[in-house]
C-alpha cells in the first residue's frame, strides 16, 4: 500500500460513523444521483439472473437495488471492516442474506481470491486508490460482461477542490489521499484487458463510464 494511504487513513475516512450516516440517508432517500445512474444503466442491460461484484460499495446500496431488480447474487469487497455491521443489517432488512457475500480485503492485491461476475461496479473507488492500473485492471479481469466505474470529472473545479482537500489531509496527517487519475488512462487500462467503452456520461462532479467485454 502506498505511503500516502494507510489502513488507519482508510479507516478514518470510511468509518463506522460514515456507514451509519450512509445507511440513514439510503433509508430516507434511496440511492444518490451517481449510484442511481449506475443502477439504471445496468437495468437497461438486463439484470435478471445476473451476478454482481462491487468493489468499495460501502453499505451495499447498489447491490441491494440490483438484487431487488432481479440479480441472482452479489459479492461485496471492502478494504476496511467498518461497513460490515451496518451493511449486514440492511441486507437482513431487504431479505437477501442468502444472496449476498461480503469480503474484507484489498481487491487490487488479492483479487484472485474473488470469482468474476457478470457485472462489476467501482463507484467512486478509483479516486481513493493509489495504484489505478492495478485496481482497474483487476476489476476489468473480473467483469464477464460489463464493468461500470465512476470517478471525479477532470475539470478545473475538481482539480482545485481536491487539491485543497489533499492539502488539509496532509496537514492533519490523516494517512489518506484523493486521486484524480486521468480518465483516458482509466479507459485505456480497461481496454487493455479486453473491454470497450459503451458509456461515458459526465455530470458536474462525477463521470460514469461503462466498459463491455469484447469477446
N, C-alpha and C. Protein backbone atom coordinates (compact mmCIF):
# COMPACT_ATOMS: atom_id res chain seq x y z
N UNK A 1 0.84 -1.20 0.00
CA UNK A 1 0.00 0.00 0.00
C UNK A 1 0.88 1.24 0.00
N UNK A 2 0.50 2.28 -0.71
CA UNK A 2 1.29 3.50 -0.80
C UNK A 2 1.43 4.17 0.55
N UNK A 3 2.55 4.88 0.73
CA UNK A 3 2.78 5.59 1.99
C UNK A 3 1.74 6.68 2.22
N UNK A 4 1.12 7.17 1.13
CA UNK A 4 0.15 8.25 1.29
C UNK A 4 -1.18 7.75 1.84
N UNK A 5 -1.43 6.46 1.71
CA UNK A 5 -2.71 5.90 2.14
C UNK A 5 -2.45 4.68 3.03
N UNK A 6 -2.80 4.80 4.27
CA UNK A 6 -2.54 3.74 5.24
C UNK A 6 -3.86 3.11 5.69
N UNK A 7 -3.82 1.90 6.25
CA UNK A 7 -5.04 1.31 6.79
C UNK A 7 -5.74 2.23 7.78
N UNK A 8 -4.96 2.91 8.61
CA UNK A 8 -5.55 3.84 9.57
C UNK A 8 -6.25 4.99 8.85
N UNK A 9 -5.63 5.47 7.76
CA UNK A 9 -6.23 6.56 7.00
C UNK A 9 -7.54 6.15 6.35
N UNK A 10 -7.56 4.96 5.74
CA UNK A 10 -8.81 4.46 5.15
C UNK A 10 -9.87 4.28 6.23
N UNK A 11 -9.46 3.76 7.39
CA UNK A 11 -10.41 3.56 8.48
C UNK A 11 -10.98 4.86 8.99
N UNK A 12 -10.17 5.91 8.97
CA UNK A 12 -10.65 7.22 9.43
C UNK A 12 -11.70 7.79 8.47
N UNK A 13 -11.43 7.67 7.16
CA UNK A 13 -12.37 8.21 6.17
C UNK A 13 -13.62 7.35 6.09
N UNK A 14 -13.44 6.05 5.96
CA UNK A 14 -14.57 5.13 5.79
C UNK A 14 -14.86 4.47 7.14
N UNK A 15 -15.42 5.26 8.02
CA UNK A 15 -15.60 4.87 9.41
C UNK A 15 -16.98 4.27 9.66
N UNK A 16 -17.16 3.71 10.85
CA UNK A 16 -18.48 3.20 11.25
C UNK A 16 -19.49 4.34 11.31
N UNK A 17 -19.03 5.51 11.72
CA UNK A 17 -19.92 6.68 11.75
C UNK A 17 -20.39 7.04 10.35
N UNK A 18 -19.48 6.99 9.38
CA UNK A 18 -19.86 7.24 7.99
C UNK A 18 -20.84 6.19 7.48
N UNK A 19 -20.61 4.94 7.86
CA UNK A 19 -21.52 3.86 7.44
C UNK A 19 -22.93 4.10 7.97
N UNK A 20 -23.03 4.48 9.22
CA UNK A 20 -24.34 4.76 9.82
C UNK A 20 -25.02 5.92 9.11
N UNK A 21 -24.25 6.95 8.79
CA UNK A 21 -24.80 8.12 8.09
C UNK A 21 -25.29 7.73 6.69
N UNK A 22 -24.50 6.93 5.98
CA UNK A 22 -24.90 6.49 4.64
C UNK A 22 -26.18 5.65 4.69
N UNK A 23 -26.28 4.80 5.71
CA UNK A 23 -27.47 3.95 5.84
C UNK A 23 -28.72 4.78 6.13
N UNK A 24 -28.59 5.77 7.00
CA UNK A 24 -29.74 6.63 7.29
C UNK A 24 -30.21 7.36 6.03
N UNK A 25 -29.25 7.86 5.26
CA UNK A 25 -29.59 8.58 4.03
C UNK A 25 -30.26 7.64 3.03
N UNK A 26 -29.75 6.43 2.90
CA UNK A 26 -30.31 5.47 1.96
C UNK A 26 -31.73 5.08 2.35
N UNK A 27 -31.96 4.88 3.64
CA UNK A 27 -33.31 4.52 4.10
C UNK A 27 -34.30 5.66 3.83
N UNK A 28 -33.84 6.89 3.94
CA UNK A 28 -34.73 8.04 3.75
C UNK A 28 -34.93 8.38 2.28
N UNK A 29 -33.85 8.39 1.51
CA UNK A 29 -33.89 8.96 0.17
C UNK A 29 -33.57 7.98 -0.95
N UNK A 30 -33.11 6.77 -0.61
CA UNK A 30 -32.71 5.83 -1.65
C UNK A 30 -31.31 6.16 -2.15
N UNK A 31 -31.02 5.77 -3.36
CA UNK A 31 -29.69 5.96 -3.92
C UNK A 31 -29.38 7.43 -4.20
N UNK A 32 -28.10 7.78 -4.09
CA UNK A 32 -27.68 9.11 -4.52
C UNK A 32 -27.67 9.15 -6.05
N UNK A 33 -27.47 10.33 -6.60
CA UNK A 33 -27.62 10.52 -8.05
C UNK A 33 -26.66 9.66 -8.86
N UNK A 34 -25.40 9.59 -8.46
CA UNK A 34 -24.43 8.82 -9.23
C UNK A 34 -24.72 7.33 -9.16
N UNK A 35 -25.04 6.84 -7.98
CA UNK A 35 -25.38 5.42 -7.83
C UNK A 35 -26.63 5.08 -8.63
N UNK A 36 -27.58 5.99 -8.66
CA UNK A 36 -28.81 5.76 -9.42
C UNK A 36 -28.50 5.66 -10.92
N UNK A 37 -27.59 6.48 -11.40
CA UNK A 37 -27.20 6.40 -12.82
C UNK A 37 -26.61 5.03 -13.15
N UNK A 38 -25.81 4.50 -12.24
CA UNK A 38 -25.20 3.19 -12.46
C UNK A 38 -26.26 2.10 -12.48
N UNK A 39 -27.15 2.13 -11.51
CA UNK A 39 -28.19 1.10 -11.43
C UNK A 39 -29.11 1.16 -12.64
N UNK A 40 -29.50 2.34 -13.05
CA UNK A 40 -30.39 2.47 -14.21
C UNK A 40 -29.72 1.96 -15.48
N UNK A 41 -28.43 2.24 -15.62
CA UNK A 41 -27.72 1.74 -16.79
C UNK A 41 -27.71 0.21 -16.80
N UNK A 42 -27.40 -0.40 -15.66
CA UNK A 42 -27.32 -1.87 -15.60
C UNK A 42 -28.70 -2.50 -15.77
N UNK A 43 -29.74 -1.85 -15.29
CA UNK A 43 -31.09 -2.37 -15.52
C UNK A 43 -31.39 -2.44 -17.01
N UNK A 44 -30.92 -1.45 -17.76
CA UNK A 44 -31.15 -1.44 -19.20
C UNK A 44 -30.40 -2.58 -19.89
N UNK A 45 -29.31 -3.03 -19.28
CA UNK A 45 -28.55 -4.15 -19.85
C UNK A 45 -29.24 -5.48 -19.56
N UNK A 46 -30.11 -5.46 -18.52
CA UNK A 46 -30.79 -6.67 -18.08
C UNK A 46 -30.09 -7.28 -16.88
N UNK A 47 -30.74 -7.27 -15.74
CA UNK A 47 -30.09 -7.77 -14.52
C UNK A 47 -30.66 -9.11 -14.05
N UNK A 48 -31.76 -9.55 -14.65
CA UNK A 48 -32.39 -10.79 -14.22
C UNK A 48 -31.41 -11.95 -14.30
N UNK A 49 -31.16 -12.58 -13.15
CA UNK A 49 -30.29 -13.74 -13.10
C UNK A 49 -28.81 -13.44 -13.17
N UNK A 50 -28.43 -12.18 -13.24
CA UNK A 50 -27.03 -11.81 -13.36
C UNK A 50 -26.33 -11.81 -11.99
N UNK A 51 -25.00 -11.96 -12.03
CA UNK A 51 -24.21 -11.85 -10.81
C UNK A 51 -23.52 -10.49 -10.79
N UNK A 52 -23.33 -9.97 -9.58
CA UNK A 52 -22.77 -8.63 -9.40
C UNK A 52 -21.59 -8.69 -8.44
N UNK A 53 -20.52 -8.03 -8.79
CA UNK A 53 -19.38 -7.84 -7.89
C UNK A 53 -19.17 -6.34 -7.74
N UNK A 54 -19.24 -5.86 -6.50
CA UNK A 54 -18.99 -4.44 -6.27
C UNK A 54 -17.79 -4.28 -5.35
N UNK A 55 -16.85 -3.48 -5.79
CA UNK A 55 -15.65 -3.20 -5.02
C UNK A 55 -15.79 -1.82 -4.40
N UNK A 56 -15.64 -1.76 -3.08
CA UNK A 56 -15.77 -0.48 -2.39
C UNK A 56 -17.19 0.04 -2.36
N UNK A 57 -18.16 -0.85 -2.25
CA UNK A 57 -19.56 -0.45 -2.28
C UNK A 57 -20.12 0.07 -0.98
N UNK A 58 -19.30 0.11 0.07
CA UNK A 58 -19.77 0.65 1.34
C UNK A 58 -20.89 -0.17 1.94
N UNK A 59 -22.02 0.46 2.16
CA UNK A 59 -23.17 -0.22 2.78
C UNK A 59 -23.87 -1.16 1.82
N UNK A 60 -23.48 -1.14 0.54
CA UNK A 60 -24.05 -2.09 -0.42
C UNK A 60 -25.36 -1.67 -1.05
N UNK A 61 -25.63 -0.38 -1.10
CA UNK A 61 -26.92 0.09 -1.62
C UNK A 61 -27.12 -0.29 -3.09
N UNK A 62 -26.10 -0.15 -3.91
CA UNK A 62 -26.22 -0.51 -5.33
C UNK A 62 -26.53 -2.00 -5.47
N UNK A 63 -25.83 -2.82 -4.70
CA UNK A 63 -26.09 -4.26 -4.75
C UNK A 63 -27.53 -4.58 -4.38
N UNK A 64 -28.02 -3.95 -3.33
CA UNK A 64 -29.40 -4.21 -2.88
C UNK A 64 -30.40 -3.85 -3.96
N UNK A 65 -30.18 -2.71 -4.62
CA UNK A 65 -31.12 -2.30 -5.66
C UNK A 65 -31.09 -3.25 -6.86
N UNK A 66 -29.91 -3.74 -7.20
CA UNK A 66 -29.81 -4.68 -8.32
C UNK A 66 -30.42 -6.03 -7.95
N UNK A 67 -30.25 -6.45 -6.70
CA UNK A 67 -30.89 -7.70 -6.26
C UNK A 67 -32.41 -7.56 -6.28
N UNK A 68 -32.91 -6.43 -5.85
CA UNK A 68 -34.36 -6.19 -5.89
C UNK A 68 -34.87 -6.22 -7.32
N UNK A 69 -34.00 -5.82 -8.27
CA UNK A 69 -34.40 -5.77 -9.69
C UNK A 69 -34.26 -7.13 -10.36
N UNK A 70 -33.75 -8.14 -9.64
CA UNK A 70 -33.70 -9.48 -10.21
C UNK A 70 -32.34 -10.13 -10.31
N UNK A 71 -31.27 -9.42 -9.91
CA UNK A 71 -29.94 -10.05 -9.94
C UNK A 71 -29.93 -11.28 -9.05
N UNK A 72 -29.14 -12.27 -9.43
CA UNK A 72 -29.14 -13.54 -8.69
C UNK A 72 -28.33 -13.47 -7.41
N UNK A 73 -27.12 -12.93 -7.52
CA UNK A 73 -26.22 -12.88 -6.38
C UNK A 73 -25.35 -11.64 -6.46
N UNK A 74 -24.84 -11.20 -5.29
CA UNK A 74 -23.93 -10.06 -5.24
C UNK A 74 -22.80 -10.37 -4.27
N UNK A 75 -21.61 -9.96 -4.67
CA UNK A 75 -20.44 -10.06 -3.80
C UNK A 75 -19.90 -8.65 -3.58
N UNK A 76 -19.64 -8.32 -2.33
CA UNK A 76 -19.09 -7.02 -1.98
C UNK A 76 -17.67 -7.20 -1.46
N UNK A 77 -16.75 -6.34 -1.90
CA UNK A 77 -15.38 -6.37 -1.41
C UNK A 77 -15.06 -5.00 -0.83
N UNK A 78 -14.71 -4.97 0.44
CA UNK A 78 -14.38 -3.73 1.13
C UNK A 78 -12.96 -3.77 1.65
N UNK A 79 -12.33 -2.60 1.70
CA UNK A 79 -10.95 -2.51 2.18
C UNK A 79 -10.87 -2.49 3.70
N UNK A 80 -11.91 -1.97 4.35
CA UNK A 80 -11.93 -1.91 5.81
C UNK A 80 -13.20 -2.61 6.31
N UNK A 81 -13.20 -3.06 7.57
CA UNK A 81 -14.37 -3.77 8.12
C UNK A 81 -15.44 -2.84 8.68
N UNK A 82 -15.25 -1.54 8.57
CA UNK A 82 -16.13 -0.61 9.29
C UNK A 82 -17.56 -0.56 8.78
N UNK A 83 -17.80 -1.04 7.56
CA UNK A 83 -19.16 -1.01 7.00
C UNK A 83 -19.93 -2.31 7.25
N UNK A 84 -19.27 -3.32 7.74
CA UNK A 84 -19.87 -4.65 7.74
C UNK A 84 -21.11 -4.78 8.61
N UNK A 85 -21.09 -4.23 9.80
CA UNK A 85 -22.24 -4.36 10.70
C UNK A 85 -23.47 -3.65 10.12
N UNK A 86 -23.27 -2.44 9.62
CA UNK A 86 -24.38 -1.66 9.05
C UNK A 86 -24.89 -2.34 7.79
N UNK A 87 -23.98 -2.77 6.92
CA UNK A 87 -24.39 -3.45 5.68
C UNK A 87 -25.16 -4.72 6.00
N UNK A 88 -24.71 -5.45 7.01
CA UNK A 88 -25.40 -6.68 7.40
C UNK A 88 -26.85 -6.43 7.79
N UNK A 89 -27.08 -5.33 8.49
CA UNK A 89 -28.47 -5.01 8.90
C UNK A 89 -29.32 -4.67 7.68
N UNK A 90 -28.76 -3.92 6.73
CA UNK A 90 -29.51 -3.58 5.52
C UNK A 90 -29.82 -4.82 4.69
N UNK A 91 -28.87 -5.72 4.62
CA UNK A 91 -29.08 -6.97 3.89
C UNK A 91 -30.20 -7.77 4.52
N UNK A 92 -30.20 -7.84 5.84
CA UNK A 92 -31.25 -8.56 6.56
C UNK A 92 -32.61 -7.92 6.34
N UNK A 93 -32.66 -6.60 6.41
CA UNK A 93 -33.92 -5.87 6.22
C UNK A 93 -34.49 -6.13 4.82
N UNK A 94 -33.60 -6.25 3.83
CA UNK A 94 -34.04 -6.47 2.45
C UNK A 94 -34.39 -7.93 2.18
N UNK A 95 -34.07 -8.81 3.14
CA UNK A 95 -34.39 -10.22 2.98
C UNK A 95 -33.56 -10.93 1.93
N UNK A 96 -32.29 -10.51 1.76
CA UNK A 96 -31.46 -11.12 0.72
C UNK A 96 -30.16 -11.70 1.30
N UNK A 97 -30.21 -12.08 2.57
CA UNK A 97 -29.00 -12.58 3.23
C UNK A 97 -28.38 -13.77 2.52
N UNK A 98 -29.22 -14.58 1.89
CA UNK A 98 -28.70 -15.78 1.21
C UNK A 98 -28.17 -15.49 -0.19
N UNK A 99 -28.24 -14.22 -0.61
CA UNK A 99 -27.79 -13.87 -1.96
C UNK A 99 -26.65 -12.86 -1.97
N UNK A 100 -26.12 -12.53 -0.79
CA UNK A 100 -25.04 -11.55 -0.70
C UNK A 100 -23.87 -12.15 0.08
N UNK A 101 -22.69 -11.95 -0.45
CA UNK A 101 -21.46 -12.35 0.24
C UNK A 101 -20.57 -11.12 0.37
N UNK A 102 -20.07 -10.87 1.57
CA UNK A 102 -19.22 -9.71 1.80
C UNK A 102 -17.83 -10.16 2.23
N UNK A 103 -16.81 -9.52 1.60
CA UNK A 103 -15.42 -9.84 1.91
C UNK A 103 -14.69 -8.56 2.28
N UNK A 104 -13.74 -8.66 3.20
CA UNK A 104 -12.89 -7.53 3.56
C UNK A 104 -11.47 -7.87 3.14
N UNK A 105 -10.96 -7.11 2.16
CA UNK A 105 -9.64 -7.39 1.60
C UNK A 105 -9.26 -6.25 0.66
N UNK A 106 -7.99 -6.20 0.28
CA UNK A 106 -7.52 -5.27 -0.74
C UNK A 106 -7.70 -5.95 -2.09
N UNK A 107 -8.74 -5.57 -2.79
CA UNK A 107 -9.10 -6.24 -4.05
C UNK A 107 -7.98 -6.17 -5.08
N UNK A 108 -7.31 -5.03 -5.16
CA UNK A 108 -6.26 -4.87 -6.16
C UNK A 108 -5.10 -5.82 -5.90
N UNK A 109 -4.87 -6.14 -4.64
CA UNK A 109 -3.75 -7.00 -4.28
C UNK A 109 -4.13 -8.47 -4.23
N UNK A 110 -5.37 -8.76 -3.89
CA UNK A 110 -5.79 -10.16 -3.66
C UNK A 110 -7.03 -10.53 -4.44
N UNK A 111 -7.24 -9.91 -5.59
CA UNK A 111 -8.43 -10.16 -6.38
C UNK A 111 -8.57 -11.59 -6.86
N UNK A 112 -7.47 -12.32 -6.93
CA UNK A 112 -7.53 -13.71 -7.38
C UNK A 112 -8.38 -14.58 -6.47
N UNK A 113 -8.59 -14.11 -5.24
CA UNK A 113 -9.40 -14.87 -4.28
C UNK A 113 -10.90 -14.64 -4.48
N UNK A 114 -11.26 -13.80 -5.44
CA UNK A 114 -12.66 -13.46 -5.70
C UNK A 114 -13.04 -13.92 -7.10
N UNK A 115 -14.18 -14.58 -7.22
CA UNK A 115 -14.65 -15.02 -8.54
C UNK A 115 -15.14 -13.83 -9.36
N UNK A 116 -15.11 -14.00 -10.66
CA UNK A 116 -15.63 -12.97 -11.55
C UNK A 116 -17.15 -12.90 -11.47
N UNK A 117 -17.71 -11.88 -12.10
CA UNK A 117 -19.16 -11.69 -12.10
C UNK A 117 -19.59 -11.11 -13.43
N UNK A 118 -20.88 -11.21 -13.74
CA UNK A 118 -21.38 -10.64 -14.98
C UNK A 118 -21.15 -9.13 -15.00
N UNK A 119 -21.51 -8.47 -13.90
CA UNK A 119 -21.37 -7.03 -13.79
C UNK A 119 -20.44 -6.70 -12.63
N UNK A 120 -19.45 -5.86 -12.89
CA UNK A 120 -18.54 -5.39 -11.84
C UNK A 120 -18.70 -3.88 -11.72
N UNK A 121 -18.80 -3.40 -10.48
CA UNK A 121 -19.05 -1.99 -10.22
C UNK A 121 -17.96 -1.42 -9.30
N UNK A 122 -17.39 -0.28 -9.71
CA UNK A 122 -16.49 0.50 -8.86
C UNK A 122 -17.02 1.93 -8.84
N UNK A 123 -17.80 2.24 -7.85
CA UNK A 123 -18.44 3.54 -7.75
C UNK A 123 -17.66 4.43 -6.78
N UNK A 124 -17.02 5.46 -7.32
CA UNK A 124 -16.23 6.41 -6.51
C UNK A 124 -15.16 5.68 -5.69
N UNK A 125 -14.49 4.75 -6.36
CA UNK A 125 -13.45 3.94 -5.72
C UNK A 125 -12.07 4.23 -6.31
N UNK A 126 -12.00 4.39 -7.63
CA UNK A 126 -10.73 4.64 -8.31
C UNK A 126 -10.00 5.83 -7.68
N UNK A 127 -10.74 6.86 -7.30
CA UNK A 127 -10.13 8.08 -6.77
C UNK A 127 -9.58 7.90 -5.36
N UNK A 128 -9.88 6.77 -4.74
CA UNK A 128 -9.42 6.52 -3.38
C UNK A 128 -8.25 5.54 -3.33
N UNK A 129 -7.75 5.13 -4.48
CA UNK A 129 -6.70 4.12 -4.51
C UNK A 129 -5.53 4.61 -5.34
N UNK A 130 -4.33 4.43 -4.82
CA UNK A 130 -3.13 5.00 -5.44
C UNK A 130 -2.73 4.29 -6.73
N UNK A 131 -2.90 2.97 -6.80
CA UNK A 131 -2.45 2.21 -7.96
C UNK A 131 -3.63 1.95 -8.89
N UNK A 132 -3.99 2.97 -9.66
CA UNK A 132 -5.16 2.85 -10.54
C UNK A 132 -5.03 1.72 -11.55
N UNK A 133 -3.90 1.57 -12.25
CA UNK A 133 -3.82 0.49 -13.25
C UNK A 133 -4.06 -0.89 -12.66
N UNK A 134 -3.55 -1.13 -11.47
CA UNK A 134 -3.73 -2.44 -10.86
C UNK A 134 -5.18 -2.67 -10.45
N UNK A 135 -5.80 -1.64 -9.85
CA UNK A 135 -7.19 -1.78 -9.42
C UNK A 135 -8.13 -1.90 -10.62
N UNK A 136 -8.00 -1.00 -11.58
CA UNK A 136 -8.87 -1.03 -12.76
C UNK A 136 -8.64 -2.30 -13.58
N UNK A 137 -7.39 -2.73 -13.69
CA UNK A 137 -7.09 -3.94 -14.43
C UNK A 137 -7.66 -5.18 -13.78
N UNK A 138 -7.56 -5.26 -12.46
CA UNK A 138 -8.12 -6.40 -11.73
C UNK A 138 -9.63 -6.42 -11.87
N UNK A 139 -10.25 -5.25 -11.76
CA UNK A 139 -11.71 -5.17 -11.93
C UNK A 139 -12.12 -5.60 -13.33
N UNK A 140 -11.38 -5.14 -14.34
CA UNK A 140 -11.70 -5.50 -15.72
C UNK A 140 -11.61 -7.01 -15.93
N UNK A 141 -10.58 -7.61 -15.35
CA UNK A 141 -10.41 -9.06 -15.49
C UNK A 141 -11.58 -9.84 -14.88
N UNK A 142 -12.23 -9.26 -13.88
CA UNK A 142 -13.34 -9.94 -13.20
C UNK A 142 -14.69 -9.72 -13.88
N UNK A 143 -14.74 -8.81 -14.84
CA UNK A 143 -16.01 -8.50 -15.50
C UNK A 143 -16.27 -9.43 -16.67
N UNK A 144 -17.24 -10.33 -16.52
CA UNK A 144 -17.57 -11.24 -17.62
C UNK A 144 -18.31 -10.51 -18.73
N UNK A 145 -19.11 -9.51 -18.36
CA UNK A 145 -19.87 -8.78 -19.36
C UNK A 145 -19.60 -7.27 -19.32
N UNK A 146 -19.83 -6.65 -18.16
CA UNK A 146 -19.76 -5.19 -18.08
C UNK A 146 -19.02 -4.74 -16.82
N UNK A 147 -18.18 -3.73 -16.98
CA UNK A 147 -17.55 -3.03 -15.86
C UNK A 147 -18.06 -1.60 -15.86
N UNK A 148 -18.55 -1.14 -14.71
CA UNK A 148 -19.02 0.24 -14.58
C UNK A 148 -18.19 0.94 -13.51
N UNK A 149 -17.66 2.10 -13.86
CA UNK A 149 -16.86 2.87 -12.93
C UNK A 149 -17.38 4.30 -12.84
N UNK A 150 -17.23 4.91 -11.69
CA UNK A 150 -17.44 6.34 -11.58
C UNK A 150 -16.22 6.95 -10.91
N UNK A 151 -15.86 8.14 -11.36
CA UNK A 151 -14.67 8.82 -10.84
C UNK A 151 -14.85 10.33 -11.05
N UNK A 152 -14.06 11.15 -10.36
CA UNK A 152 -14.24 12.60 -10.48
C UNK A 152 -14.03 13.10 -11.90
N UNK A 153 -14.89 13.99 -12.32
CA UNK A 153 -14.73 14.63 -13.62
C UNK A 153 -13.46 15.48 -13.58
N UNK A 154 -12.67 15.42 -14.62
CA UNK A 154 -11.44 16.20 -14.66
C UNK A 154 -11.75 17.60 -15.18
N UNK A 155 -11.95 18.53 -14.27
CA UNK A 155 -12.27 19.92 -14.59
C UNK A 155 -11.53 20.81 -13.59
N UNK A 156 -11.49 22.10 -13.88
CA UNK A 156 -10.70 22.99 -13.01
C UNK A 156 -11.22 22.98 -11.58
N UNK A 157 -12.57 22.87 -11.44
CA UNK A 157 -13.12 22.91 -10.09
C UNK A 157 -12.81 21.65 -9.28
N UNK A 158 -12.72 20.51 -9.96
CA UNK A 158 -12.34 19.30 -9.22
C UNK A 158 -10.85 19.31 -8.91
N UNK A 159 -10.04 19.83 -9.82
CA UNK A 159 -8.60 19.92 -9.57
C UNK A 159 -8.33 20.83 -8.36
N UNK A 160 -8.98 21.97 -8.33
CA UNK A 160 -8.79 22.91 -7.21
C UNK A 160 -9.36 22.32 -5.92
N UNK A 161 -10.57 21.79 -6.00
CA UNK A 161 -11.22 21.26 -4.80
C UNK A 161 -10.45 20.10 -4.18
N UNK A 162 -10.02 19.17 -5.02
CA UNK A 162 -9.27 18.03 -4.49
C UNK A 162 -7.89 18.45 -4.01
N UNK A 163 -7.32 19.46 -4.65
CA UNK A 163 -6.03 19.98 -4.18
C UNK A 163 -6.13 20.53 -2.77
N UNK A 164 -7.20 21.29 -2.52
CA UNK A 164 -7.42 21.84 -1.17
C UNK A 164 -7.67 20.72 -0.17
N UNK A 165 -8.51 19.76 -0.56
CA UNK A 165 -8.82 18.64 0.34
C UNK A 165 -7.56 17.85 0.68
N UNK A 166 -6.72 17.60 -0.30
CA UNK A 166 -5.50 16.83 -0.05
C UNK A 166 -4.52 17.62 0.81
N UNK A 167 -4.48 18.92 0.63
CA UNK A 167 -3.61 19.75 1.48
C UNK A 167 -4.05 19.66 2.94
N UNK A 168 -5.35 19.67 3.16
CA UNK A 168 -5.87 19.56 4.53
C UNK A 168 -5.59 18.17 5.11
N UNK A 169 -5.74 17.14 4.29
CA UNK A 169 -5.44 15.78 4.75
C UNK A 169 -3.97 15.62 5.10
N UNK A 170 -3.11 16.23 4.27
CA UNK A 170 -1.68 16.16 4.54
C UNK A 170 -1.33 16.91 5.82
N UNK A 171 -1.92 18.10 5.99
CA UNK A 171 -1.61 18.93 7.15
C UNK A 171 -2.04 18.26 8.46
N UNK A 172 -3.13 17.51 8.40
CA UNK A 172 -3.63 16.83 9.60
C UNK A 172 -3.12 15.40 9.72
N UNK A 173 -2.26 15.00 8.78
CA UNK A 173 -1.60 13.69 8.80
C UNK A 173 -2.61 12.55 8.94
N UNK A 174 -3.59 12.57 8.06
CA UNK A 174 -4.66 11.57 8.12
C UNK A 174 -4.30 10.26 7.45
N UNK A 175 -3.21 10.23 6.69
CA UNK A 175 -2.84 8.98 6.02
C UNK A 175 -3.79 8.60 4.90
N UNK A 176 -4.31 9.63 4.22
CA UNK A 176 -5.26 9.37 3.12
C UNK A 176 -5.06 10.45 2.06
N UNK A 177 -5.31 10.07 0.81
CA UNK A 177 -5.14 10.99 -0.31
C UNK A 177 -6.23 10.70 -1.34
N UNK A 178 -6.72 11.74 -2.00
CA UNK A 178 -7.72 11.59 -3.06
C UNK A 178 -7.01 11.77 -4.40
N UNK A 179 -7.24 10.85 -5.32
CA UNK A 179 -6.52 10.85 -6.59
C UNK A 179 -7.43 11.26 -7.74
N UNK A 180 -6.90 12.08 -8.61
CA UNK A 180 -7.62 12.47 -9.83
C UNK A 180 -6.91 11.81 -11.00
N UNK A 181 -7.11 10.48 -11.12
CA UNK A 181 -6.46 9.74 -12.19
C UNK A 181 -7.01 10.19 -13.55
N UNK A 182 -6.16 10.32 -14.55
CA UNK A 182 -6.62 10.75 -15.88
C UNK A 182 -7.65 9.78 -16.45
N UNK A 183 -8.82 10.25 -16.83
CA UNK A 183 -9.86 9.37 -17.39
C UNK A 183 -9.38 8.54 -18.57
N UNK A 184 -8.56 9.12 -19.44
CA UNK A 184 -8.07 8.36 -20.60
C UNK A 184 -7.26 7.15 -20.17
N UNK A 185 -6.51 7.29 -19.09
CA UNK A 185 -5.72 6.17 -18.59
C UNK A 185 -6.61 5.09 -17.98
N UNK A 186 -7.68 5.53 -17.30
CA UNK A 186 -8.62 4.57 -16.72
C UNK A 186 -9.25 3.74 -17.83
N UNK A 187 -9.73 4.41 -18.88
CA UNK A 187 -10.36 3.71 -20.01
C UNK A 187 -9.34 2.83 -20.72
N UNK A 188 -8.14 3.36 -20.95
CA UNK A 188 -7.11 2.60 -21.66
C UNK A 188 -6.73 1.33 -20.90
N UNK A 189 -6.68 1.44 -19.57
CA UNK A 189 -6.37 0.25 -18.76
C UNK A 189 -7.43 -0.81 -18.95
N UNK A 190 -8.70 -0.42 -18.91
CA UNK A 190 -9.79 -1.37 -19.09
C UNK A 190 -9.77 -1.98 -20.48
N UNK A 191 -9.48 -1.15 -21.48
CA UNK A 191 -9.42 -1.64 -22.86
C UNK A 191 -8.30 -2.65 -23.04
N UNK A 192 -7.19 -2.46 -22.33
CA UNK A 192 -6.07 -3.40 -22.45
C UNK A 192 -6.39 -4.76 -21.84
N UNK A 193 -7.51 -4.82 -21.10
CA UNK A 193 -7.95 -6.09 -20.50
C UNK A 193 -9.18 -6.65 -21.22
N UNK A 194 -9.38 -6.24 -22.46
CA UNK A 194 -10.42 -6.85 -23.29
C UNK A 194 -11.79 -6.21 -23.23
N UNK A 195 -11.87 -4.95 -22.79
CA UNK A 195 -13.16 -4.26 -22.72
C UNK A 195 -13.17 -3.08 -23.68
N UNK A 196 -14.39 -2.65 -24.05
CA UNK A 196 -14.51 -1.44 -24.86
C UNK A 196 -15.56 -0.53 -24.24
N UNK A 197 -15.36 0.76 -24.40
CA UNK A 197 -16.24 1.75 -23.77
C UNK A 197 -17.59 1.80 -24.48
N UNK A 198 -18.67 1.74 -23.68
CA UNK A 198 -20.02 1.83 -24.24
C UNK A 198 -20.82 2.95 -23.60
N UNK A 199 -20.25 3.59 -22.57
CA UNK A 199 -20.94 4.71 -21.91
C UNK A 199 -19.89 5.64 -21.34
N UNK A 200 -20.10 6.94 -21.54
CA UNK A 200 -19.24 7.97 -20.96
C UNK A 200 -20.15 9.14 -20.61
N UNK A 201 -20.71 9.10 -19.43
CA UNK A 201 -21.72 10.07 -19.02
C UNK A 201 -21.13 11.00 -17.96
N UNK A 202 -20.97 12.25 -18.30
CA UNK A 202 -20.29 13.20 -17.43
C UNK A 202 -21.27 14.12 -16.73
N UNK A 203 -21.24 14.09 -15.39
CA UNK A 203 -22.03 15.01 -14.60
C UNK A 203 -21.16 16.17 -14.16
N UNK A 204 -21.66 16.99 -13.26
CA UNK A 204 -20.91 18.16 -12.80
C UNK A 204 -19.65 17.73 -12.04
N UNK A 205 -19.78 16.70 -11.20
CA UNK A 205 -18.65 16.24 -10.39
C UNK A 205 -18.15 14.85 -10.78
N UNK A 206 -19.08 13.97 -11.20
CA UNK A 206 -18.73 12.57 -11.40
C UNK A 206 -19.00 12.12 -12.83
N UNK A 207 -18.06 11.36 -13.35
CA UNK A 207 -18.22 10.71 -14.65
C UNK A 207 -18.53 9.24 -14.43
N UNK A 208 -19.53 8.74 -15.14
CA UNK A 208 -19.86 7.30 -15.11
C UNK A 208 -19.46 6.71 -16.45
N UNK A 209 -18.56 5.73 -16.41
CA UNK A 209 -18.08 5.06 -17.62
C UNK A 209 -18.39 3.58 -17.53
N UNK A 210 -18.89 3.01 -18.62
CA UNK A 210 -19.17 1.58 -18.69
C UNK A 210 -18.34 0.96 -19.80
N UNK A 211 -17.79 -0.20 -19.50
CA UNK A 211 -16.95 -0.94 -20.44
C UNK A 211 -17.55 -2.34 -20.63
N UNK A 212 -17.64 -2.80 -21.88
CA UNK A 212 -18.23 -4.11 -22.16
C UNK A 212 -17.16 -5.07 -22.70
N UNK A 213 -17.27 -6.33 -22.30
CA UNK A 213 -16.37 -7.37 -22.77
C UNK A 213 -16.52 -7.52 -24.29
N UNK A 214 -15.42 -7.54 -25.00
CA UNK A 214 -15.47 -7.57 -26.45
C UNK A 214 -15.60 -8.99 -27.01
N UNK A 215 -15.23 -9.99 -26.22
CA UNK A 215 -15.32 -11.36 -26.74
C UNK A 215 -15.64 -12.31 -25.60
